[in-house]
All heavy atoms as atom14 arrays in JSON, in Angstrom:
{
  "sequence": "ARENDSYYEVAYKARKQTVISAKNLMEKHPELMSEYTKVKIGE",
  "atom14_mask": [
    [1, 1, 1, 1, 1, 0, 0, 0, 0, 0, 0, 0, 0, 0],
    [1, 1, 1, 1, 1, 1, 1, 1, 1, 1, 1, 0, 0, 0],
    [1, 1, 1, 1, 1, 1, 1, 1, 1, 0, 0, 0, 0, 0],
    [1, 1, 1, 1, 1, 1, 1, 1, 0, 0, 0, 0, 0, 0],
    [1, 1, 1, 1, 1, 1, 1, 1, 0, 0, 0, 0, 0, 0],
    [1, 1, 1, 1, 1, 1, 0, 0, 0, 0, 0, 0, 0, 0],
    [1, 1, 1, 1, 1, 1, 1, 1, 1, 1, 1, 1, 0, 0],
    [1, 1, 1, 1, 1, 1, 1, 1, 1, 1, 1, 1, 0, 0],
    [1, 1, 1, 1, 1, 1, 1, 1, 1, 0, 0, 0, 0, 0],
    [1, 1, 1, 1, 1, 1, 1, 0, 0, 0, 0, 0, 0, 0],
    [1, 1, 1, 1, 1, 0, 0, 0, 0, 0, 0, 0, 0, 0],
    [1, 1, 1, 1, 1, 1, 1, 1, 1, 1, 1, 1, 0, 0],
    [1, 1, 1, 1, 1, 1, 1, 1, 1, 0, 0, 0, 0, 0],
    [1, 1, 1, 1, 1, 0, 0, 0, 0, 0, 0, 0, 0, 0],
    [1, 1, 1, 1, 1, 1, 1, 1, 1, 1, 1, 0, 0, 0],
    [1, 1, 1, 1, 1, 1, 1, 1, 1, 0, 0, 0, 0, 0],
    [1, 1, 1, 1, 1, 1, 1, 1, 1, 0, 0, 0, 0, 0],
    [1, 1, 1, 1, 1, 1, 1, 0, 0, 0, 0, 0, 0, 0],
    [1, 1, 1, 1, 1, 1, 1, 0, 0, 0, 0, 0, 0, 0],
    [1, 1, 1, 1, 1, 1, 1, 1, 0, 0, 0, 0, 0, 0],
    [1, 1, 1, 1, 1, 1, 0, 0, 0, 0, 0, 0, 0, 0],
    [1, 1, 1, 1, 1, 0, 0, 0, 0, 0, 0, 0, 0, 0],
    [1, 1, 1, 1, 1, 1, 1, 1, 1, 0, 0, 0, 0, 0],
    [1, 1, 1, 1, 1, 1, 1, 1, 0, 0, 0, 0, 0, 0],
    [1, 1, 1, 1, 1, 1, 1, 1, 0, 0, 0, 0, 0, 0],
    [1, 1, 1, 1, 1, 1, 1, 1, 0, 0, 0, 0, 0, 0],
    [1, 1, 1, 1, 1, 1, 1, 1, 1, 0, 0, 0, 0, 0],
    [1, 1, 1, 1, 1, 1, 1, 1, 1, 0, 0, 0, 0, 0],
    [1, 1, 1, 1, 1, 1, 1, 1, 1, 1, 0, 0, 0, 0],
    [1, 1, 1, 1, 1, 1, 1, 0, 0, 0, 0, 0, 0, 0],
    [1, 1, 1, 1, 1, 1, 1, 1, 1, 0, 0, 0, 0, 0],
    [1, 1, 1, 1, 1, 1, 1, 1, 0, 0, 0, 0, 0, 0],
    [1, 1, 1, 1, 1, 1, 1, 1, 0, 0, 0, 0, 0, 0],
    [1, 1, 1, 1, 1, 1, 0, 0, 0, 0, 0, 0, 0, 0],
    [1, 1, 1, 1, 1, 1, 1, 1, 1, 0, 0, 0, 0, 0],
    [1, 1, 1, 1, 1, 1, 1, 1, 1, 1, 1, 1, 0, 0],
    [1, 1, 1, 1, 1, 1, 1, 0, 0, 0, 0, 0, 0, 0],
    [1, 1, 1, 1, 1, 1, 1, 1, 1, 0, 0, 0, 0, 0],
    [1, 1, 1, 1, 1, 1, 1, 0, 0, 0, 0, 0, 0, 0],
    [1, 1, 1, 1, 1, 1, 1, 1, 1, 0, 0, 0, 0, 0],
    [1, 1, 1, 1, 1, 1, 1, 1, 0, 0, 0, 0, 0, 0],
    [1, 1, 1, 1, 0, 0, 0, 0, 0, 0, 0, 0, 0, 0],
    [1, 1, 1, 1, 1, 1, 1, 1, 1, 0, 0, 0, 0, 0]
  ],
  "atom14_positions": [
    [[18.22, 7.94, 27.88], [19.27, 8.85, 27.33], [20.16, 9.2, 28.61], [19.82, 8.75, 29.7], [18.61, 10.09, 26.84], [0.0, 0.0, 0.0], [0.0, 0.0, 0.0], [0.0, 0.0, 0.0], [0.0, 0.0, 0.0], [0.0, 0.0, 0.0], [0.0, 0.0, 0.0], [0.0, 0.0, 0.0], [0.0, 0.0, 0.0], [0.0, 0.0, 0.0]],
    [[21.17, 9.85, 28.39], [22.14, 10.32, 29.36], [21.38, 11.09, 30.36], [21.79, 11.14, 31.53], [23.33, 11.1, 28.77], [24.12, 10.18, 27.91], [25.4, 10.89, 27.36], [26.13, 10.16, 26.38], [27.11, 9.39, 26.69], [27.52, 9.28, 27.79], [27.73, 8.66, 25.6], [0.0, 0.0, 0.0], [0.0, 0.0, 0.0], [0.0, 0.0, 0.0]],
    [[20.45, 11.99, 29.94], [19.62, 12.78, 30.75], [18.59, 11.97, 31.39], [17.92, 11.11, 30.71], [18.99, 13.98, 30.1], [20.08, 14.89, 29.34], [20.18, 14.42, 27.9], [19.73, 13.29, 27.6], [20.87, 15.15, 27.18], [0.0, 0.0, 0.0], [0.0, 0.0, 0.0], [0.0, 0.0, 0.0], [0.0, 0.0, 0.0], [0.0, 0.0, 0.0]],
    [[18.38, 12.02, 32.74], [17.45, 11.2, 33.4], [16.02, 11.33, 32.91], [15.18, 10.41, 33.12], [17.52, 11.35, 34.92], [18.82, 10.9, 35.53], [19.37, 9.83, 34.96], [19.26, 11.41, 36.57], [0.0, 0.0, 0.0], [0.0, 0.0, 0.0], [0.0, 0.0, 0.0], [0.0, 0.0, 0.0], [0.0, 0.0, 0.0], [0.0, 0.0, 0.0]],
    [[15.69, 12.56, 32.4], [14.36, 12.77, 32.06], [13.95, 12.45, 30.69], [12.78, 12.75, 30.12], [13.98, 14.22, 32.32], [14.79, 15.21, 31.45], [15.85, 14.73, 30.89], [14.36, 16.35, 31.29], [0.0, 0.0, 0.0], [0.0, 0.0, 0.0], [0.0, 0.0, 0.0], [0.0, 0.0, 0.0], [0.0, 0.0, 0.0], [0.0, 0.0, 0.0]],
    [[14.85, 11.93, 29.91], [14.67, 11.55, 28.46], [15.03, 10.11, 28.08], [15.71, 9.46, 28.8], [15.58, 12.49, 27.6], [15.29, 13.9, 27.96], [0.0, 0.0, 0.0], [0.0, 0.0, 0.0], [0.0, 0.0, 0.0], [0.0, 0.0, 0.0], [0.0, 0.0, 0.0], [0.0, 0.0, 0.0], [0.0, 0.0, 0.0], [0.0, 0.0, 0.0]],
    [[14.49, 9.77, 26.86], [14.86, 8.51, 26.39], [14.71, 8.47, 24.85], [14.18, 9.47, 24.28], [13.81, 7.36, 26.8], [12.32, 7.54, 26.35], [12.05, 6.68, 25.26], [11.51, 8.42, 26.88], [10.69, 6.8, 24.71], [10.19, 8.48, 26.34], [9.79, 7.7, 25.26], [8.6, 7.82, 24.84], [0.0, 0.0, 0.0], [0.0, 0.0, 0.0]],
    [[15.25, 7.47, 24.09], [15.15, 7.34, 22.77], [14.07, 6.42, 22.33], [14.21, 5.17, 22.96], [16.52, 7.03, 22.1], [17.51, 8.06, 22.19], [18.58, 8.1, 23.23], [17.59, 9.11, 21.27], [19.52, 9.06, 23.26], [18.6, 10.15, 21.38], [19.57, 10.12, 22.39], [20.43, 11.05, 22.39], [0.0, 0.0, 0.0], [0.0, 0.0, 0.0]],
    [[13.23, 6.68, 21.49], [12.31, 5.72, 20.94], [12.84, 5.18, 19.58], [13.09, 5.94, 18.69], [10.98, 6.28, 20.76], [9.97, 5.39, 20.15], [8.67, 6.11, 19.68], [8.64, 6.72, 18.58], [7.67, 6.02, 20.46], [0.0, 0.0, 0.0], [0.0, 0.0, 0.0], [0.0, 0.0, 0.0], [0.0, 0.0, 0.0], [0.0, 0.0, 0.0]],
    [[12.99, 3.92, 19.54], [13.46, 3.27, 18.3], [12.29, 2.62, 17.6], [11.66, 1.63, 18.11], [14.52, 2.17, 18.62], [15.05, 1.6, 17.29], [15.71, 2.77, 19.38], [0.0, 0.0, 0.0], [0.0, 0.0, 0.0], [0.0, 0.0, 0.0], [0.0, 0.0, 0.0], [0.0, 0.0, 0.0], [0.0, 0.0, 0.0], [0.0, 0.0, 0.0]],
    [[11.82, 3.19, 16.54], [10.7, 2.71, 15.83], [11.15, 1.88, 14.65], [11.89, 2.42, 13.82], [9.78, 3.77, 15.36], [0.0, 0.0, 0.0], [0.0, 0.0, 0.0], [0.0, 0.0, 0.0], [0.0, 0.0, 0.0], [0.0, 0.0, 0.0], [0.0, 0.0, 0.0], [0.0, 0.0, 0.0], [0.0, 0.0, 0.0], [0.0, 0.0, 0.0]],
    [[10.79, 0.6, 14.6], [11.16, -0.31, 13.43], [9.89, -0.9, 12.9], [9.63, -2.13, 13.1], [12.11, -1.35, 14.09], [12.79, -2.09, 13.01], [13.33, -1.6, 11.85], [12.84, -3.61, 13.06], [13.98, -2.39, 10.87], [13.54, -4.29, 12.11], [14.01, -3.72, 11.08], [14.64, -4.54, 10.0], [0.0, 0.0, 0.0], [0.0, 0.0, 0.0]],
    [[9.1, -0.21, 12.23], [7.84, -0.51, 11.82], [7.84, -0.98, 10.4], [8.61, -0.63, 9.54], [6.84, 0.64, 12.02], [6.71, 0.9, 13.44], [5.66, 2.11, 13.66], [5.57, 2.44, 15.16], [4.64, 3.53, 15.36], [0.0, 0.0, 0.0], [0.0, 0.0, 0.0], [0.0, 0.0, 0.0], [0.0, 0.0, 0.0], [0.0, 0.0, 0.0]],
    [[6.76, -1.79, 10.06], [6.68, -2.46, 8.65], [5.65, -1.53, 7.8], [4.73, -1.03, 8.38], [6.15, -3.77, 8.75], [0.0, 0.0, 0.0], [0.0, 0.0, 0.0], [0.0, 0.0, 0.0], [0.0, 0.0, 0.0], [0.0, 0.0, 0.0], [0.0, 0.0, 0.0], [0.0, 0.0, 0.0], [0.0, 0.0, 0.0], [0.0, 0.0, 0.0]],
    [[6.05, -1.43, 6.5], [5.15, -0.77, 5.6], [4.87, -1.75, 4.5], [5.7, -2.04, 3.57], [5.84, 0.45, 5.08], [5.8, 1.64, 6.11], [6.38, 2.88, 5.49], [7.88, 2.59, 5.18], [8.59, 3.56, 4.46], [8.1, 4.65, 4.13], [9.88, 3.39, 4.26], [0.0, 0.0, 0.0], [0.0, 0.0, 0.0], [0.0, 0.0, 0.0]],
    [[3.76, -2.42, 4.59], [3.42, -3.39, 3.65], [2.63, -2.72, 2.36], [1.71, -2.11, 2.54], [2.45, -4.5, 4.22], [3.12, -5.39, 5.31], [2.24, -6.39, 5.71], [2.97, -7.32, 6.91], [2.09, -8.31, 7.39], [0.0, 0.0, 0.0], [0.0, 0.0, 0.0], [0.0, 0.0, 0.0], [0.0, 0.0, 0.0], [0.0, 0.0, 0.0]],
    [[3.22, -3.03, 1.24], [2.69, -2.49, 0.01], [1.71, -3.54, -0.64], [2.19, -4.67, -0.92], [3.74, -2.11, -0.93], [3.16, -1.47, -2.18], [4.37, -1.06, -3.26], [5.55, -1.31, -2.92], [4.03, -0.52, -4.33], [0.0, 0.0, 0.0], [0.0, 0.0, 0.0], [0.0, 0.0, 0.0], [0.0, 0.0, 0.0], [0.0, 0.0, 0.0]],
    [[0.53, -3.16, -0.86], [-0.44, -4.06, -1.63], [-0.74, -3.63, -2.97], [-0.71, -2.4, -3.21], [-1.77, -4.18, -0.76], [-2.32, -2.89, -0.64], [-1.49, -4.84, 0.6], [0.0, 0.0, 0.0], [0.0, 0.0, 0.0], [0.0, 0.0, 0.0], [0.0, 0.0, 0.0], [0.0, 0.0, 0.0], [0.0, 0.0, 0.0], [0.0, 0.0, 0.0]],
    [[-0.91, -4.48, -3.83], [-1.21, -4.09, -5.3], [-2.42, -4.79, -5.63], [-2.83, -5.89, -5.06], [-0.11, -4.54, -6.11], [1.2, -3.75, -5.93], [0.24, -5.96, -6.12], [0.0, 0.0, 0.0], [0.0, 0.0, 0.0], [0.0, 0.0, 0.0], [0.0, 0.0, 0.0], [0.0, 0.0, 0.0], [0.0, 0.0, 0.0], [0.0, 0.0, 0.0]],
    [[-3.06, -4.26, -6.72], [-4.3, -5.04, -7.33], [-3.8, -5.86, -8.4], [-3.17, -5.47, -9.32], [-5.26, -3.9, -7.85], [-5.68, -2.88, -6.88], [-6.5, -4.62, -8.42], [-6.32, -3.45, -5.59], [0.0, 0.0, 0.0], [0.0, 0.0, 0.0], [0.0, 0.0, 0.0], [0.0, 0.0, 0.0], [0.0, 0.0, 0.0], [0.0, 0.0, 0.0]],
    [[-4.15, -7.14, -8.3], [-3.74, -8.12, -9.18], [-4.46, -7.91, -10.58], [-5.66, -7.98, -10.6], [-3.92, -9.44, -8.71], [-3.81, -10.5, -9.79], [0.0, 0.0, 0.0], [0.0, 0.0, 0.0], [0.0, 0.0, 0.0], [0.0, 0.0, 0.0], [0.0, 0.0, 0.0], [0.0, 0.0, 0.0], [0.0, 0.0, 0.0], [0.0, 0.0, 0.0]],
    [[-3.72, -7.59, -11.59], [-4.29, -7.28, -12.92], [-4.98, -8.6, -13.45], [-6.08, -8.58, -14.05], [-3.36, -6.75, -13.9], [0.0, 0.0, 0.0], [0.0, 0.0, 0.0], [0.0, 0.0, 0.0], [0.0, 0.0, 0.0], [0.0, 0.0, 0.0], [0.0, 0.0, 0.0], [0.0, 0.0, 0.0], [0.0, 0.0, 0.0], [0.0, 0.0, 0.0]],
    [[-4.31, -9.75, -13.19], [-4.83, -11.06, -13.58], [-6.24, -11.37, -12.97], [-7.11, -11.73, -13.62], [-3.8, -12.17, -13.29], [-4.2, -13.58, -13.74], [-3.2, -14.52, -13.38], [-3.64, -16.03, -13.81], [-2.71, -17.02, -13.39], [0.0, 0.0, 0.0], [0.0, 0.0, 0.0], [0.0, 0.0, 0.0], [0.0, 0.0, 0.0], [0.0, 0.0, 0.0]],
    [[-6.27, -11.12, -11.62], [-7.51, -11.32, -10.83], [-8.62, -10.43, -11.35], [-9.75, -10.79, -11.45], [-7.26, -11.3, -9.33], [-6.46, -12.39, -8.82], [-6.34, -13.51, -9.5], [-5.93, -12.26, -7.6], [0.0, 0.0, 0.0], [0.0, 0.0, 0.0], [0.0, 0.0, 0.0], [0.0, 0.0, 0.0], [0.0, 0.0, 0.0], [0.0, 0.0, 0.0]],
    [[-8.16, -9.16, -11.54], [-9.14, -8.11, -12.09], [-9.78, -8.56, -13.38], [-11.05, -8.41, -13.57], [-8.56, -6.73, -12.12], [-9.46, -5.65, -12.45], [-10.5, -5.36, -11.36], [-8.53, -4.27, -12.52], [0.0, 0.0, 0.0], [0.0, 0.0, 0.0], [0.0, 0.0, 0.0], [0.0, 0.0, 0.0], [0.0, 0.0, 0.0], [0.0, 0.0, 0.0]],
    [[-8.94, -9.0, -14.26], [-9.31, -9.48, -15.6], [-10.29, -10.67, -15.52], [-11.3, -10.67, -16.17], [-8.15, -9.78, -16.51], [-8.52, -10.27, -17.82], [-9.61, -9.15, -18.81], [-8.26, -8.18, -19.5], [0.0, 0.0, 0.0], [0.0, 0.0, 0.0], [0.0, 0.0, 0.0], [0.0, 0.0, 0.0], [0.0, 0.0, 0.0], [0.0, 0.0, 0.0]],
    [[-9.94, -11.62, -14.67], [-10.76, -12.8, -14.53], [-12.16, -12.62, -13.82], [-13.18, -13.03, -14.19], [-9.96, -13.92, -13.68], [-8.72, -14.44, -14.5], [-7.98, -15.39, -13.67], [-8.31, -15.49, -12.37], [-7.0, -16.01, -14.14], [0.0, 0.0, 0.0], [0.0, 0.0, 0.0], [0.0, 0.0, 0.0], [0.0, 0.0, 0.0], [0.0, 0.0, 0.0]],
    [[-12.1, -11.69, -12.77], [-13.36, -11.59, -11.92], [-14.15, -10.3, -12.28], [-15.37, -10.36, -12.12], [-12.87, -11.59, -10.44], [-12.17, -12.82, -9.98], [-11.87, -12.75, -8.49], [-11.23, -14.02, -8.01], [-10.85, -14.0, -6.59], [0.0, 0.0, 0.0], [0.0, 0.0, 0.0], [0.0, 0.0, 0.0], [0.0, 0.0, 0.0], [0.0, 0.0, 0.0]],
    [[-13.4, -9.29, -12.74], [-14.14, -8.03, -13.13], [-13.64, -7.42, -14.38], [-13.07, -6.35, -14.46], [-14.15, -7.03, -11.91], [-14.58, -7.5, -10.67], [-16.06, -7.56, -10.32], [-13.96, -8.07, -9.59], [-16.12, -8.01, -9.19], [-14.98, -8.33, -8.61], [0.0, 0.0, 0.0], [0.0, 0.0, 0.0], [0.0, 0.0, 0.0], [0.0, 0.0, 0.0]],
    [[-13.77, -8.15, -15.52], [-13.19, -7.68, -16.88], [-13.9, -6.39, -17.29], [-13.19, -5.49, -18.09], [-13.59, -8.77, -17.81], [-14.89, -9.5, -17.14], [-14.57, -9.48, -15.64], [0.0, 0.0, 0.0], [0.0, 0.0, 0.0], [0.0, 0.0, 0.0], [0.0, 0.0, 0.0], [0.0, 0.0, 0.0], [0.0, 0.0, 0.0], [0.0, 0.0, 0.0]],
    [[-15.07, -5.99, -16.75], [-15.78, -4.67, -17.09], [-15.0, -3.52, -16.63], [-15.11, -2.37, -17.17], [-17.17, -4.7, -16.7], [-17.4, -4.48, -15.25], [-17.08, -5.77, -14.36], [-16.76, -6.85, -14.86], [-17.26, -5.65, -13.15], [0.0, 0.0, 0.0], [0.0, 0.0, 0.0], [0.0, 0.0, 0.0], [0.0, 0.0, 0.0], [0.0, 0.0, 0.0]],
    [[-14.2, -3.74, -15.72], [-13.48, -2.6, -14.92], [-12.04, -2.39, -15.56], [-11.45, -1.32, -15.47], [-13.26, -2.81, -13.52], [-14.56, -2.88, -12.71], [-14.21, -3.16, -11.15], [-15.32, -1.63, -12.77], [0.0, 0.0, 0.0], [0.0, 0.0, 0.0], [0.0, 0.0, 0.0], [0.0, 0.0, 0.0], [0.0, 0.0, 0.0], [0.0, 0.0, 0.0]],
    [[-11.5, -3.3, -16.36], [-10.23, -3.16, -16.91], [-10.07, -1.98, -17.87], [-9.1, -1.13, -17.87], [-9.89, -4.46, -17.66], [-9.48, -5.7, -16.74], [-7.91, -5.31, -15.75], [-6.64, -5.26, -17.1], [0.0, 0.0, 0.0], [0.0, 0.0, 0.0], [0.0, 0.0, 0.0], [0.0, 0.0, 0.0], [0.0, 0.0, 0.0], [0.0, 0.0, 0.0]],
    [[-11.03, -1.88, -18.87], [-10.98, -0.76, -19.82], [-11.13, 0.59, -19.15], [-10.52, 1.52, -19.59], [-12.0, -0.96, -20.92], [-13.35, -0.98, -20.25], [0.0, 0.0, 0.0], [0.0, 0.0, 0.0], [0.0, 0.0, 0.0], [0.0, 0.0, 0.0], [0.0, 0.0, 0.0], [0.0, 0.0, 0.0], [0.0, 0.0, 0.0], [0.0, 0.0, 0.0]],
    [[-11.82, 0.64, -18.17], [-12.23, 1.95, -17.41], [-11.08, 2.38, -16.6], [-10.85, 3.6, -16.45], [-13.5, 1.7, -16.6], [-13.96, 3.09, -15.99], [-15.22, 2.94, -15.11], [-15.79, 1.9, -15.12], [-15.61, 3.87, -14.41], [0.0, 0.0, 0.0], [0.0, 0.0, 0.0], [0.0, 0.0, 0.0], [0.0, 0.0, 0.0], [0.0, 0.0, 0.0]],
    [[-10.26, 1.56, -16.01], [-9.24, 1.92, -14.98], [-7.83, 1.65, -15.51], [-6.98, 1.74, -14.7], [-9.55, 1.3, -13.71], [-10.77, 1.92, -13.0], [-12.02, 1.29, -13.19], [-10.64, 3.03, -12.24], [-13.17, 1.87, -12.63], [-11.73, 3.62, -11.78], [-12.96, 2.97, -11.81], [-14.01, 3.65, -11.2], [0.0, 0.0, 0.0], [0.0, 0.0, 0.0]],
    [[-7.63, 1.23, -16.78], [-6.29, 0.88, -17.19], [-5.35, 2.01, -17.06], [-4.23, 2.0, -16.7], [-6.25, 0.48, -18.6], [-7.34, 0.71, -19.34], [-5.79, -1.05, -18.71], [0.0, 0.0, 0.0], [0.0, 0.0, 0.0], [0.0, 0.0, 0.0], [0.0, 0.0, 0.0], [0.0, 0.0, 0.0], [0.0, 0.0, 0.0], [0.0, 0.0, 0.0]],
    [[-5.78, 3.3, -17.43], [-4.95, 4.42, -17.5], [-5.13, 5.43, -16.31], [-4.61, 6.43, -16.34], [-5.13, 5.19, -18.79], [-4.67, 4.41, -20.07], [-4.8, 5.19, -21.31], [-4.38, 4.47, -22.45], [-4.47, 5.24, -23.72], [0.0, 0.0, 0.0], [0.0, 0.0, 0.0], [0.0, 0.0, 0.0], [0.0, 0.0, 0.0], [0.0, 0.0, 0.0]],
    [[-6.0, 4.87, -15.38], [-6.2, 5.84, -14.3], [-5.45, 5.38, -12.98], [-5.18, 4.18, -12.9], [-7.73, 5.7, -13.88], [-8.11, 6.75, -12.83], [-8.51, 6.08, -15.16], [0.0, 0.0, 0.0], [0.0, 0.0, 0.0], [0.0, 0.0, 0.0], [0.0, 0.0, 0.0], [0.0, 0.0, 0.0], [0.0, 0.0, 0.0], [0.0, 0.0, 0.0]],
    [[-5.15, 6.23, -12.11], [-4.45, 5.9, -10.84], [-5.23, 4.87, -10.05], [-6.39, 4.97, -9.92], [-4.13, 7.07, -10.03], [-3.2, 8.04, -10.65], [-2.91, 9.25, -9.81], [-1.83, 10.18, -10.38], [-1.68, 11.36, -9.53], [0.0, 0.0, 0.0], [0.0, 0.0, 0.0], [0.0, 0.0, 0.0], [0.0, 0.0, 0.0], [0.0, 0.0, 0.0]],
    [[-4.57, 3.9, -9.46], [-5.16, 2.83, -8.79], [-5.97, 3.35, -7.58], [-6.89, 2.72, -7.11], [-4.15, 1.8, -8.26], [-4.78, 0.36, -8.1], [-3.35, 2.31, -7.1], [-5.32, -0.27, -9.34], [0.0, 0.0, 0.0], [0.0, 0.0, 0.0], [0.0, 0.0, 0.0], [0.0, 0.0, 0.0], [0.0, 0.0, 0.0], [0.0, 0.0, 0.0]],
    [[-5.59, 4.5, -7.07], [-6.35, 5.06, -6.02], [-7.78, 5.38, -6.29], [-8.66, 5.28, -5.51], [0.0, 0.0, 0.0], [0.0, 0.0, 0.0], [0.0, 0.0, 0.0], [0.0, 0.0, 0.0], [0.0, 0.0, 0.0], [0.0, 0.0, 0.0], [0.0, 0.0, 0.0], [0.0, 0.0, 0.0], [0.0, 0.0, 0.0], [0.0, 0.0, 0.0]],
    [[-8.06, 5.78, -7.53], [-9.37, 5.93, -8.06], [-10.29, 4.76, -8.03], [-11.33, 4.79, -7.67], [-9.36, 6.69, -9.33], [-8.77, 8.1, -9.33], [-8.96, 8.91, -10.63], [-9.84, 8.55, -11.38], [-8.2, 9.76, -10.92], [0.0, 0.0, 0.0], [0.0, 0.0, 0.0], [0.0, 0.0, 0.0], [0.0, 0.0, 0.0], [0.0, 0.0, 0.0]]
  ]
}
């Protein structure tokens, strides 16, 4: 920065969003599909 005791931090970070594949869930764990279809994925 113009002041000798300061600086600017430029943060350019990534936020990767991951999702649960409904197709994979149906193929590998069909018993969970009916229980979690209407529930938030966080649960």
